[in-house]
Amino acid sequence: QVQLVESGGGLVQAGGSLRLSCAASGSIFGSNAMGWYRQAPGKLRELVAGIGSGGITNYADSVKGRFTISRHNAKNTVYLQMNSLEPEDTAVYYCYLTTAWKTDYWGQGTQVTVSS
């Protein structure tokens, strides 16, 4: 089993910044991918950013140039630096980890609210 604990959400004004963290623990073996999805009220969950063990990243078009994902492999932790936040970024952000065996684990979610 793998546990994911997120932190760093909150309320911020438009144009501000937040940094999300997600620490994984448990039975983590081999390479894996980590990242973030988000879900706004009334909308489907969408991928925000992901990063593989080797550091290859991918981003949703809506956050490119504003968000940066990074990871510390020794700490099994992934970070999401969010700059120039917009009200449209308001959502619950979920951390995920996909193992080499394609098993997905999810965090409990952290609320990000951007006021205009």
C-alpha atoms as a PDB file:
ATOM      1  CA  GLN A   1       0.000   0.000   0.000  1.00  0.00           C
ATOM      2  CA  VAL A   2       1.032   3.574  -0.692  1.00  0.00           C
ATOM      3  CA  GLN A   3      -0.112   6.630   1.236  1.00  0.00           C
ATOM      4  CA  LEU A   4      -0.029  10.166  -0.158  1.00  0.00           C
ATOM      5  CA  VAL A   5      -0.223  13.227   2.092  1.00  0.00           C
ATOM      6  CA  GLU A   6      -0.755  16.631   0.512  1.00  0.00           C
ATOM      7  CA  SER A   7      -0.157  20.071   1.954  1.00  0.00           C
ATOM      8  CA  GLY A   8       0.055  23.672   0.853  1.00  0.00           C
ATOM      9  CA  GLY A   9      -3.413  24.555  -0.365  1.00  0.00           C
ATOM     10  CA  GLY A  10      -5.254  27.663   0.719  1.00  0.00           C
ATOM     11  CA  LEU A  11      -6.775  30.977  -0.280  1.00  0.00           C
ATOM     12  CA  VAL A  12      -4.838  33.427  -2.403  1.00  0.00           C
ATOM     13  CA  GLN A  13      -5.615  36.490  -4.472  1.00  0.00           C
ATOM     14  CA  ALA A  14      -5.400  36.419  -8.240  1.00  0.00           C
ATOM     15  CA  GLY A  15      -1.814  36.863  -9.355  1.00  0.00           C
ATOM     16  CA  GLY A  16      -0.486  35.231  -6.217  1.00  0.00           C
ATOM     17  CA  SER A  17       1.428  32.007  -5.681  1.00  0.00           C
ATOM     18  CA  LEU A  18       1.066  28.757  -3.791  1.00  0.00           C
ATOM     19  CA  ARG A  19       3.256  25.681  -3.467  1.00  0.00           C
ATOM     20  CA  LEU A  20       1.694  22.260  -3.058  1.00  0.00           C
ATOM     21  CA  SER A  21       3.605  19.301  -1.651  1.00  0.00           C
ATOM     22  CA  CYS A  22       2.777  15.607  -1.683  1.00  0.00           C
ATOM     23  CA  ALA A  23       4.761  13.043   0.279  1.00  0.00           C
ATOM     24  CA  ALA A  24       4.423   9.358  -0.546  1.00  0.00           C
ATOM     25  CA  SER A  25       5.109   6.556   1.896  1.00  0.00           C
ATOM     26  CA  GLY A  26       4.631   2.824   2.038  1.00  0.00           C
ATOM     27  CA  SER A  27       5.458   0.131  -0.493  1.00  0.00           C
ATOM     28  CA  ILE A  28       7.113   2.216  -3.189  1.00  0.00           C
ATOM     29  CA  PHE A  29       9.410   0.198  -5.402  1.00  0.00           C
ATOM     30  CA  GLY A  30      10.913   0.960  -8.745  1.00  0.00           C
ATOM     31  CA  SER A  31      10.107   3.808 -11.039  1.00  0.00           C
ATOM     32  CA  ASN A  32       6.865   5.670 -10.778  1.00  0.00           C
ATOM     33  CA  ALA A  33       5.126   8.756 -11.989  1.00  0.00           C
ATOM     34  CA  MET A  34       3.728  11.412  -9.696  1.00  0.00           C
ATOM     35  CA  GLY A  35       1.727  14.505 -10.279  1.00  0.00           C
ATOM     36  CA  TRP A  36      -1.432  16.477  -9.762  1.00  0.00           C
ATOM     37  CA  TYR A  37      -4.994  16.454 -10.987  1.00  0.00           C
ATOM     38  CA  ARG A  38      -7.635  18.992 -10.063  1.00  0.00           C
ATOM     39  CA  GLN A  39     -11.392  19.068  -9.945  1.00  0.00           C
ATOM     40  CA  ALA A  40     -13.496  22.213  -9.883  1.00  0.00           C
ATOM     41  CA  PRO A  41     -17.166  22.171  -8.853  1.00  0.00           C
ATOM     42  CA  GLY A  42     -19.322  20.733 -11.618  1.00  0.00           C
ATOM     43  CA  LYS A  43     -16.325  19.769 -13.741  1.00  0.00           C
ATOM     44  CA  LEU A  44     -14.451  16.580 -14.478  1.00  0.00           C
ATOM     45  CA  ARG A  45     -11.129  15.860 -12.845  1.00  0.00           C
ATOM     46  CA  GLU A  46      -8.311  17.021 -15.138  1.00  0.00           C
ATOM     47  CA  LEU A  47      -4.579  16.465 -15.261  1.00  0.00           C
ATOM     48  CA  VAL A  48      -2.580  19.517 -14.193  1.00  0.00           C
ATOM     49  CA  ALA A  49       0.997  18.223 -14.340  1.00  0.00           C
ATOM     50  CA  GLY A  50       2.961  15.000 -14.070  1.00  0.00           C
ATOM     51  CA  ILE A  51       6.587  13.988 -13.655  1.00  0.00           C
ATOM     52  CA  GLY A  52       8.340  10.669 -14.097  1.00  0.00           C
ATOM     53  CA  SER A  53      11.155   9.237 -12.024  1.00  0.00           C
ATOM     54  CA  GLY A  54      13.614  10.469 -14.655  1.00  0.00           C
ATOM     55  CA  GLY A  55      12.262  13.995 -14.477  1.00  0.00           C
ATOM     56  CA  ILE A  56      10.262  14.161 -17.689  1.00  0.00           C
ATOM     57  CA  THR A  57       7.315  16.489 -17.178  1.00  0.00           C
ATOM     58  CA  ASN A  58       4.007  17.213 -18.831  1.00  0.00           C
ATOM     59  CA  TYR A  59       1.541  20.014 -18.227  1.00  0.00           C
ATOM     60  CA  ALA A  60      -1.986  20.972 -19.103  1.00  0.00           C
ATOM     61  CA  ASP A  61      -2.000  23.773 -21.668  1.00  0.00           C
ATOM     62  CA  SER A  62      -3.874  26.003 -19.245  1.00  0.00           C
ATOM     63  CA  VAL A  63      -1.018  26.014 -16.720  1.00  0.00           C
ATOM     64  CA  LYS A  64       2.050  26.006 -18.962  1.00  0.00           C
ATOM     65  CA  GLY A  65       4.362  28.867 -18.101  1.00  0.00           C
ATOM     66  CA  ARG A  66       2.675  29.414 -14.731  1.00  0.00           C
ATOM     67  CA  PHE A  67       3.033  26.105 -12.874  1.00  0.00           C
ATOM     68  CA  THR A  68       6.193  24.080 -12.307  1.00  0.00           C
ATOM     69  CA  ILE A  69       6.267  20.488 -11.124  1.00  0.00           C
ATOM     70  CA  SER A  70       9.326  18.966  -9.483  1.00  0.00           C
ATOM     71  CA  ARG A  71      10.166  15.972  -7.332  1.00  0.00           C
ATOM     72  CA  HIS A  72      12.666  14.807  -4.760  1.00  0.00           C
ATOM     73  CA  ASN A  73      13.102  11.098  -5.397  1.00  0.00           C
ATOM     74  CA  ALA A  74      14.913  10.328  -2.149  1.00  0.00           C
ATOM     75  CA  LYS A  75      12.004  11.849  -0.210  1.00  0.00           C
ATOM     76  CA  ASN A  76       9.308  10.422  -2.511  1.00  0.00           C
ATOM     77  CA  THR A  77       7.870  13.904  -2.644  1.00  0.00           C
ATOM     78  CA  VAL A  78       6.411  15.894  -5.512  1.00  0.00           C
ATOM     79  CA  TYR A  79       5.889  19.649  -5.554  1.00  0.00           C
ATOM     80  CA  LEU A  80       3.726  21.979  -7.610  1.00  0.00           C
ATOM     81  CA  GLN A  81       4.777  25.613  -7.670  1.00  0.00           C
ATOM     82  CA  MET A  82       1.815  27.669  -8.854  1.00  0.00           C
ATOM     83  CA  ASN A  83       2.432  31.255  -9.917  1.00  0.00           C
ATOM     84  CA  SER A  84       0.208  33.882 -11.486  1.00  0.00           C
ATOM     85  CA  LEU A  85      -2.838  32.119 -10.123  1.00  0.00           C
ATOM     86  CA  GLU A  86      -6.196  32.845 -11.696  1.00  0.00           C
ATOM     87  CA  PRO A  87      -9.728  32.372 -10.347  1.00  0.00           C
ATOM     88  CA  GLU A  88     -10.094  29.569 -12.909  1.00  0.00           C
ATOM     89  CA  ASP A  89      -7.427  27.626 -11.000  1.00  0.00           C
ATOM     90  CA  THR A  90      -9.802  27.251  -8.057  1.00  0.00           C
ATOM     91  CA  ALA A  91     -10.302  23.538  -7.447  1.00  0.00           C
ATOM     92  CA  VAL A  92      -9.474  20.636  -5.216  1.00  0.00           C
ATOM     93  CA  TYR A  93      -6.006  19.433  -6.167  1.00  0.00           C
ATOM     94  CA  TYR A  94      -5.262  15.726  -5.897  1.00  0.00           C
ATOM     95  CA  CYS A  95      -1.815  14.191  -5.827  1.00  0.00           C
ATOM     96  CA  TYR A  96      -1.345  10.864  -7.585  1.00  0.00           C
ATOM     97  CA  LEU A  97       1.321   8.202  -7.885  1.00  0.00           C
ATOM     98  CA  THR A  98       1.342   5.568 -10.594  1.00  0.00           C
ATOM     99  CA  THR A  99       3.605   2.609  -9.937  1.00  0.00           C
ATOM    100  CA  ALA A 100       5.667   0.703 -12.472  1.00  0.00           C
ATOM    101  CA  TRP A 101       2.876  -1.892 -12.378  1.00  0.00           C
ATOM    102  CA  LYS A 102       0.356   0.785 -13.383  1.00  0.00           C
ATOM    103  CA  THR A 103      -1.396   0.906 -10.027  1.00  0.00           C
ATOM    104  CA  ASP A 104      -2.750   4.354  -9.145  1.00  0.00           C
ATOM    105  CA  TYR A 105      -2.808   5.881  -5.682  1.00  0.00           C
ATOM    106  CA  TRP A 106      -4.435   9.165  -4.718  1.00  0.00           C
ATOM    107  CA  GLY A 107      -4.132  11.729  -1.984  1.00  0.00           C
ATOM    108  CA  GLN A 108      -7.100  13.089  -0.074  1.00  0.00           C
ATOM    109  CA  GLY A 109      -7.101  16.399  -1.933  1.00  0.00           C
ATOM    110  CA  THR A 110      -6.258  19.953  -0.939  1.00  0.00           C
ATOM    111  CA  GLN A 111      -8.403  22.989  -1.682  1.00  0.00           C
ATOM    112  CA  VAL A 112      -6.965  25.869  -3.683  1.00  0.00           C
ATOM    113  CA  THR A 113      -9.128  28.981  -3.880  1.00  0.00           C
ATOM    114  CA  VAL A 114      -8.127  32.003  -5.942  1.00  0.00           C
ATOM    115  CA  SER A 115     -10.118  35.173  -5.342  1.00  0.00           C
ATOM    116  CA  SER A 116     -10.521  37.848  -7.994  1.00  0.00           C
END
